[in-house]
Amino acid sequence: MKRWLSSLIAADFVLLTTSNILGLFAFYQVDKQQRTAFLETRQSLKMKLSIEEQSAEQVKIRHEFCLKLITS
């Protein structure tokens, strides 16, 4: 009976330890994917902002050029 109980406790310990390790591995993978997605989104927003700023600058230059053509 005592040997059976110690085997049961050992099996429970192995199961619990393995479950915790697998949980940590899964958490690490999800966290890594979320961080990567965040960085990609951040980079995309930076590029979008840069393009919008350049586009606004080009529009401003075109307007100034057109005004010069009209006034001259």
Protein backbone atom coordinates (compact mmCIF):
# COMPACT_ATOMS: atom_id res chain seq x y z
CA MET A 1 0.00 0.00 0.00
CA LYS A 2 2.81 2.39 0.93
CA ARG A 3 4.68 1.66 -2.30
CA TRP A 4 1.51 2.20 -4.34
CA LEU A 5 0.93 5.58 -2.65
CA SER A 6 4.50 6.75 -3.28
CA SER A 7 4.19 5.73 -6.94
CA LEU A 8 0.93 7.64 -7.19
CA ILE A 9 2.50 10.75 -5.66
CA ALA A 10 5.51 10.49 -7.98
CA ALA A 11 3.23 10.14 -11.01
CA ASP A 12 1.20 13.16 -9.90
CA PHE A 13 4.40 15.17 -9.43
CA VAL A 14 5.64 14.25 -12.91
CA LEU A 15 2.25 15.10 -14.43
CA LEU A 16 2.07 18.45 -12.64
CA THR A 17 5.65 19.38 -13.56
CA THR A 18 5.13 18.42 -17.19
CA SER A 19 1.88 20.40 -17.34
CA ASN A 20 3.59 23.48 -15.94
CA ILE A 21 6.48 23.22 -18.38
CA LEU A 22 4.09 22.85 -21.34
CA GLY A 23 2.06 25.80 -20.08
CA LEU A 24 5.17 27.97 -19.85
CA PHE A 25 6.21 26.94 -23.34
CA ALA A 26 2.77 27.78 -24.76
CA PHE A 27 2.76 31.13 -22.94
CA TYR A 28 6.20 31.96 -24.30
CA GLN A 29 5.14 31.18 -27.86
CA VAL A 30 1.96 33.28 -27.65
CA ASP A 31 3.82 36.15 -26.01
CA LYS A 32 6.49 36.06 -28.71
CA GLN A 33 3.85 36.13 -31.46
CA GLN A 34 2.03 39.04 -29.82
CA ARG A 35 5.24 41.03 -29.48
CA THR A 36 6.13 40.37 -33.11
CA ALA A 37 2.66 41.44 -34.25
CA PHE A 38 2.91 44.60 -32.14
CA LEU A 39 6.29 45.51 -33.61
CA GLU A 40 5.04 44.88 -37.16
CA THR A 41 1.97 47.06 -36.52
CA ARG A 42 4.12 49.79 -35.05
CA GLN A 43 6.47 49.73 -38.04
CA SER A 44 3.51 49.80 -40.42
CA LEU A 45 2.02 52.82 -38.67
CA LYS A 46 5.37 54.62 -38.80
CA MET A 47 5.58 54.00 -42.55
CA LYS A 48 1.99 55.14 -43.06
CA LEU A 49 2.64 58.35 -41.13
CA SER A 50 5.81 58.99 -43.13
CA ILE A 51 3.98 58.47 -46.42
CA GLU A 52 1.15 60.77 -45.34
CA GLU A 53 3.64 63.48 -44.35
CA GLN A 54 5.46 63.18 -47.68
CA SER A 55 2.17 63.30 -49.55
CA ALA A 56 1.10 66.43 -47.66
CA GLU A 57 4.46 68.04 -48.44
CA GLN A 58 4.08 67.23 -52.15
CA VAL A 59 0.59 68.72 -52.20
CA LYS A 60 1.92 71.86 -50.53
CA ILE A 61 4.74 72.16 -53.09
CA ARG A 62 2.28 71.66 -55.98
CA HIS A 63 0.00 74.37 -54.64
CA GLU A 64 2.89 76.78 -54.25
CA PHE A 65 4.09 75.98 -57.77
CA CYS A 66 0.60 76.50 -59.22
CA LEU A 67 0.27 79.82 -57.39
CA LYS A 68 3.59 80.98 -58.81
CA LEU A 69 2.47 80.03 -62.32
CA ILE A 70 -0.82 81.86 -61.89
CA THR A 71 0.72 85.01 -60.40
CA SER A 72 3.51 85.30 -62.95
